[in-house]
Protein backbone atom coordinates (compact mmCIF):
# COMPACT_ATOMS: atom_id res chain seq x y z
CA MET A 1 135.22 82.94 174.99
CA LYS A 2 132.84 80.90 173.10
CA LYS A 3 132.78 78.30 175.28
CA ILE A 4 132.24 79.95 178.41
CA ILE A 5 129.26 81.52 176.16
CA LEU A 6 128.19 77.90 175.58
CA THR A 7 128.81 77.02 179.52
CA PHE A 8 126.43 80.07 180.70
CA LEU A 9 123.86 79.26 178.26
CA ALA A 10 123.88 75.41 179.59
CA VAL A 11 123.81 76.57 182.68
CA LEU A 12 120.14 78.85 182.21
CA GLY A 13 118.86 75.69 180.29
CA ILE A 14 118.38 77.36 177.03
CA GLY A 15 120.56 74.93 175.93
CA SER A 16 116.86 72.64 176.51
CA LEU A 17 115.12 75.42 174.80
CA PRO A 18 112.06 74.00 171.89
CA ALA A 19 115.35 75.44 169.50
CA GLN A 20 116.95 72.78 169.87
CA THR A 21 115.54 70.24 168.23
CA PRO A 22 114.77 71.90 164.55
CA GLY A 23 111.05 70.26 162.61
CA LEU A 24 109.60 69.64 165.86
CA ALA A 25 107.23 71.66 166.98
CA ASP A 26 106.30 72.15 163.11
CA ALA A 27 105.46 68.17 163.42
CA LEU A 28 103.33 68.14 166.38
CA THR A 29 101.19 70.73 164.95
CA LYS A 30 100.84 69.94 161.46
CA ALA A 31 99.79 66.47 163.41
CA TYR A 32 98.04 68.02 166.12
CA ASN A 33 95.76 70.41 163.48
CA GLN A 34 95.17 67.18 161.62
CA PHE A 35 93.75 65.35 163.86
CA GLU A 36 91.18 68.63 165.67
CA SER A 37 89.63 69.21 162.30
CA ALA A 38 89.32 65.49 161.99
CA ASN A 39 85.49 64.35 162.03
CA ASP A 40 86.09 60.88 161.57
CA LEU A 41 88.25 58.13 163.29
CA GLY A 42 90.57 57.50 160.24
CA PRO A 43 91.65 60.37 159.80
CA LYS A 44 92.14 60.90 163.20
CA MET A 45 94.42 57.95 163.19
CA ALA A 46 96.35 59.36 160.14
CA ALA A 47 97.34 62.16 162.76
CA VAL A 48 97.99 59.05 165.39
CA ALA A 49 100.04 57.62 163.43
CA GLN A 50 102.06 61.17 162.40
CA PHE A 51 101.98 61.28 166.49
CA ASP A 52 103.89 57.81 166.90
CA LEU A 53 106.31 59.46 164.06
CA ALA A 54 107.35 62.57 165.85
CA ALA A 55 107.80 60.18 168.87
CA ASN A 56 110.66 58.01 167.27
CA LYS A 57 112.28 61.05 165.79
CA TRP A 58 112.66 62.76 168.56
CA SER A 59 112.96 59.68 171.42
CA GLY A 60 114.84 62.03 174.87
CA ASP A 61 111.64 65.26 173.77
CA TRP A 62 109.00 65.35 176.30
CA ALA A 63 107.35 67.35 174.31
CA ALA A 64 106.95 64.64 171.74
CA ASN A 65 105.95 61.43 174.09
CA TYR A 66 103.88 63.93 175.92
CA TYR A 67 101.28 64.64 172.22
CA ALA A 68 101.87 60.52 170.89
CA ALA A 69 100.62 59.36 174.88
CA TRP A 70 97.71 61.93 173.95
CA ALA A 71 96.87 61.06 171.10
CA LYS A 72 96.23 57.66 171.48
CA ALA A 73 94.05 58.64 174.85
CA ILE A 74 91.85 60.49 173.19
CA ILE A 75 91.79 58.02 170.03
CA SER A 76 90.44 55.46 172.74
CA TYR A 77 87.42 56.57 173.50
CA LEU A 78 86.34 56.87 169.53
CA GLU A 79 87.28 53.43 169.24
CA PRO A 80 84.17 51.50 169.55
CA ASP A 81 86.21 47.79 170.47
CA LYS A 82 87.00 47.54 173.82
CA LYS A 83 90.47 45.23 173.48
CA ARG A 84 92.02 48.17 170.57
CA LYS A 85 91.03 50.11 172.92
CA ASP A 86 93.13 48.78 175.55
CA LEU A 87 95.88 48.52 173.33
CA LEU A 88 95.78 51.98 172.36
CA LEU A 89 96.19 52.76 175.78
CA ASP A 90 98.91 50.02 176.12
CA ASP A 91 100.14 52.84 173.54
CA ALA A 92 100.00 55.87 175.61
CA ASP A 93 101.04 54.26 179.16
CA LYS A 94 104.79 53.59 177.11
CA TYR A 95 104.61 56.94 175.95
CA LEU A 96 103.73 58.19 179.67
CA GLU A 97 106.33 56.43 181.42
CA LYS A 98 109.32 58.19 178.66
CA VAL A 99 107.58 61.24 179.97
CA LYS A 100 107.80 61.16 183.51
CA SER A 101 111.59 59.98 183.04
CA ILE A 102 112.34 62.95 181.05
CA ASN A 103 110.17 65.34 183.41
CA ASP A 104 107.78 64.39 186.28
CA SER A 105 107.95 67.52 188.06
CA ALA A 106 105.81 69.19 184.99
CA ASP A 107 101.87 70.01 186.49
CA GLU A 108 101.26 69.02 182.40
CA THR A 109 102.57 65.31 182.60
CA TYR A 110 100.64 64.13 185.24
CA VAL A 111 97.26 65.58 183.05
CA LEU A 112 97.78 63.72 181.18
CA ALA A 113 98.33 61.01 184.11
CA ALA A 114 95.33 61.79 184.43
CA LEU A 115 93.92 61.60 181.23
CA VAL A 116 95.54 58.44 180.38
CA ALA A 117 93.80 57.04 183.26
CA ASN A 118 90.70 58.01 182.71
CA ALA A 119 90.60 56.98 179.51
CA ARG A 120 91.06 53.16 180.54
CA LEU A 121 87.88 53.93 183.67
CA SER A 122 85.74 54.38 180.33
CA VAL A 123 86.74 51.73 178.52
CA ASP A 124 85.42 49.50 181.23
CA GLY A 125 83.39 52.22 184.47
CA GLY A 126 81.21 49.26 185.87
CA THR A 127 84.76 47.37 187.01
CA ARG A 128 87.60 49.82 186.78
CA TRP A 129 85.80 52.71 188.66
CA LYS A 130 87.16 52.34 191.62
CA LYS A 131 91.10 52.11 190.35
CA TYR A 132 90.99 54.34 188.13
CA GLY A 133 88.99 56.98 189.26
CA ASP A 134 91.92 56.76 192.30
CA ILE A 135 94.83 57.43 190.05
CA PHE A 136 93.08 59.89 187.61
CA ASN A 137 91.84 62.13 191.02
CA LYS A 138 95.35 61.99 192.46
CA ASP A 139 97.48 62.43 189.26
CA LEU A 140 94.51 65.92 188.90
CA GLU A 141 95.52 66.93 192.52
CA LYS A 142 99.71 66.75 191.76
CA ALA A 143 99.07 69.03 188.53
CA LYS A 144 97.60 71.48 191.00
CA GLU A 145 100.24 71.31 192.86
CA LYS A 146 102.42 72.32 191.43
CA ASN A 147 100.40 74.41 188.86
CA ALA A 148 96.57 75.69 189.65
CA GLN A 149 96.35 77.89 187.21
CA ASN A 150 96.32 74.70 184.00
CA PRO A 151 92.89 74.91 182.98
CA ARG A 152 93.26 70.95 181.41
CA ILE A 153 92.97 69.93 185.33
CA TYR A 154 89.21 71.67 185.77
CA TYR A 155 88.47 70.79 181.90
CA LEU A 156 89.04 66.89 183.28
CA LYS A 157 87.25 67.08 186.43
CA GLY A 158 84.77 68.40 184.64
CA VAL A 159 84.43 66.31 181.94
CA SER A 160 84.38 63.17 184.78
CA THR A 161 81.97 65.05 187.04
CA PHE A 162 79.73 65.88 183.88
CA TYR A 163 79.76 62.14 183.04
CA THR A 164 79.02 60.35 187.29
CA PRO A 165 75.76 59.39 188.02
CA LYS A 166 74.10 62.22 189.90
CA ALA A 167 73.62 60.47 192.53
CA PHE A 168 77.72 60.04 193.06
CA GLY A 169 78.29 64.05 193.06
CA GLY A 170 77.71 63.86 188.50
CA GLY A 171 75.55 65.40 186.74
CA LYS A 172 75.62 68.58 184.23
CA LYS A 173 74.96 71.01 186.90
CA ASN A 174 78.45 70.02 188.83
CA ALA A 175 80.39 69.69 186.16
CA LYS A 176 79.30 73.26 184.66
CA GLU A 177 81.53 74.48 188.21
CA TYR A 178 84.39 72.94 186.72
CA PHE A 179 83.80 74.26 182.85
CA ASP A 180 83.49 77.76 184.13
CA LYS A 181 87.17 78.07 185.84
CA ALA A 182 88.63 76.55 183.67
CA THR A 183 87.61 78.86 180.59
CA PRO A 184 89.03 81.88 181.83
CA LEU A 185 92.25 80.27 182.16
CA PHE A 186 92.00 78.71 178.60
CA THR A 187 92.06 82.23 177.74
CA ALA A 188 94.94 82.92 179.40
CA GLN A 189 97.02 80.71 178.07
CA ASP A 190 99.98 80.97 176.32
CA LYS A 191 98.94 79.36 172.81
CA SER A 192 102.85 80.51 171.43
CA SER A 193 103.71 77.71 170.97
CA ILE A 194 102.23 73.50 170.33
CA LEU A 195 105.33 72.68 172.64
CA LYS A 196 103.74 74.24 175.49
CA PRO A 197 99.34 72.33 175.39
CA TYR A 198 97.06 74.29 174.52
CA TRP A 199 94.87 71.93 173.64
CA GLY A 200 90.93 71.61 175.73
CA GLU A 201 90.27 74.95 175.06
CA LYS A 202 87.32 73.78 172.49
CA GLN A 203 86.14 70.75 174.20
CA ASN A 204 85.95 72.94 177.54
CA GLN A 205 83.14 75.53 175.61
CA ASP A 206 82.01 71.99 174.18
CA TYR A 207 80.74 70.48 177.04
CA LEU A 208 79.25 74.14 179.18
CA LYS A 209 77.39 74.81 175.95
CA GLN A 210 75.13 71.34 177.32
CA CYS A 211 75.82 72.18 180.85
CA ASN A 212 73.64 75.82 179.93
CA GLU A 213 71.48 73.61 178.16
């Protein structure tokens, strides 16, 4: 009877729920809270190291690799040295490939891919805008096809538009519509577990405030 129940659970996919990786959610939550609350590069890098440790310990887990890639991409924006930016993004790409190999059908996988592409573009926008701009837009479109209610799609599009020159369709006014669209979607999203990404809400509010000034 026990064997039958276990087989039934496996068929339902219950065997792959977060409960099968005890400690992962706690580790990611701790690193995430440390990363988000830190104001300086040093403490944030310490949190990045915690994400690395989690990805190494739970190497086959989607969320562990997702957050390791996410943290490397975000921290690259704060790193002043271009060579070190690209080294961080090399690591992000490695984790991203693992994320894709684990689940290439999730909308968050493509949101992450778009984030990494935009981080690459920001290292040298003058020479990289075409290659990585195209990748960024294509990945966001893939994410939207899978789940148009994902607020990070519009948040990232808003950030990209915010920093694009007005002559090319960018600027605060055009970015605002994306941040506005993301706002209620952030409010409605499930924030019950770190294993379901919910990052970006505070940053979206900050950008919207700038657009309204």
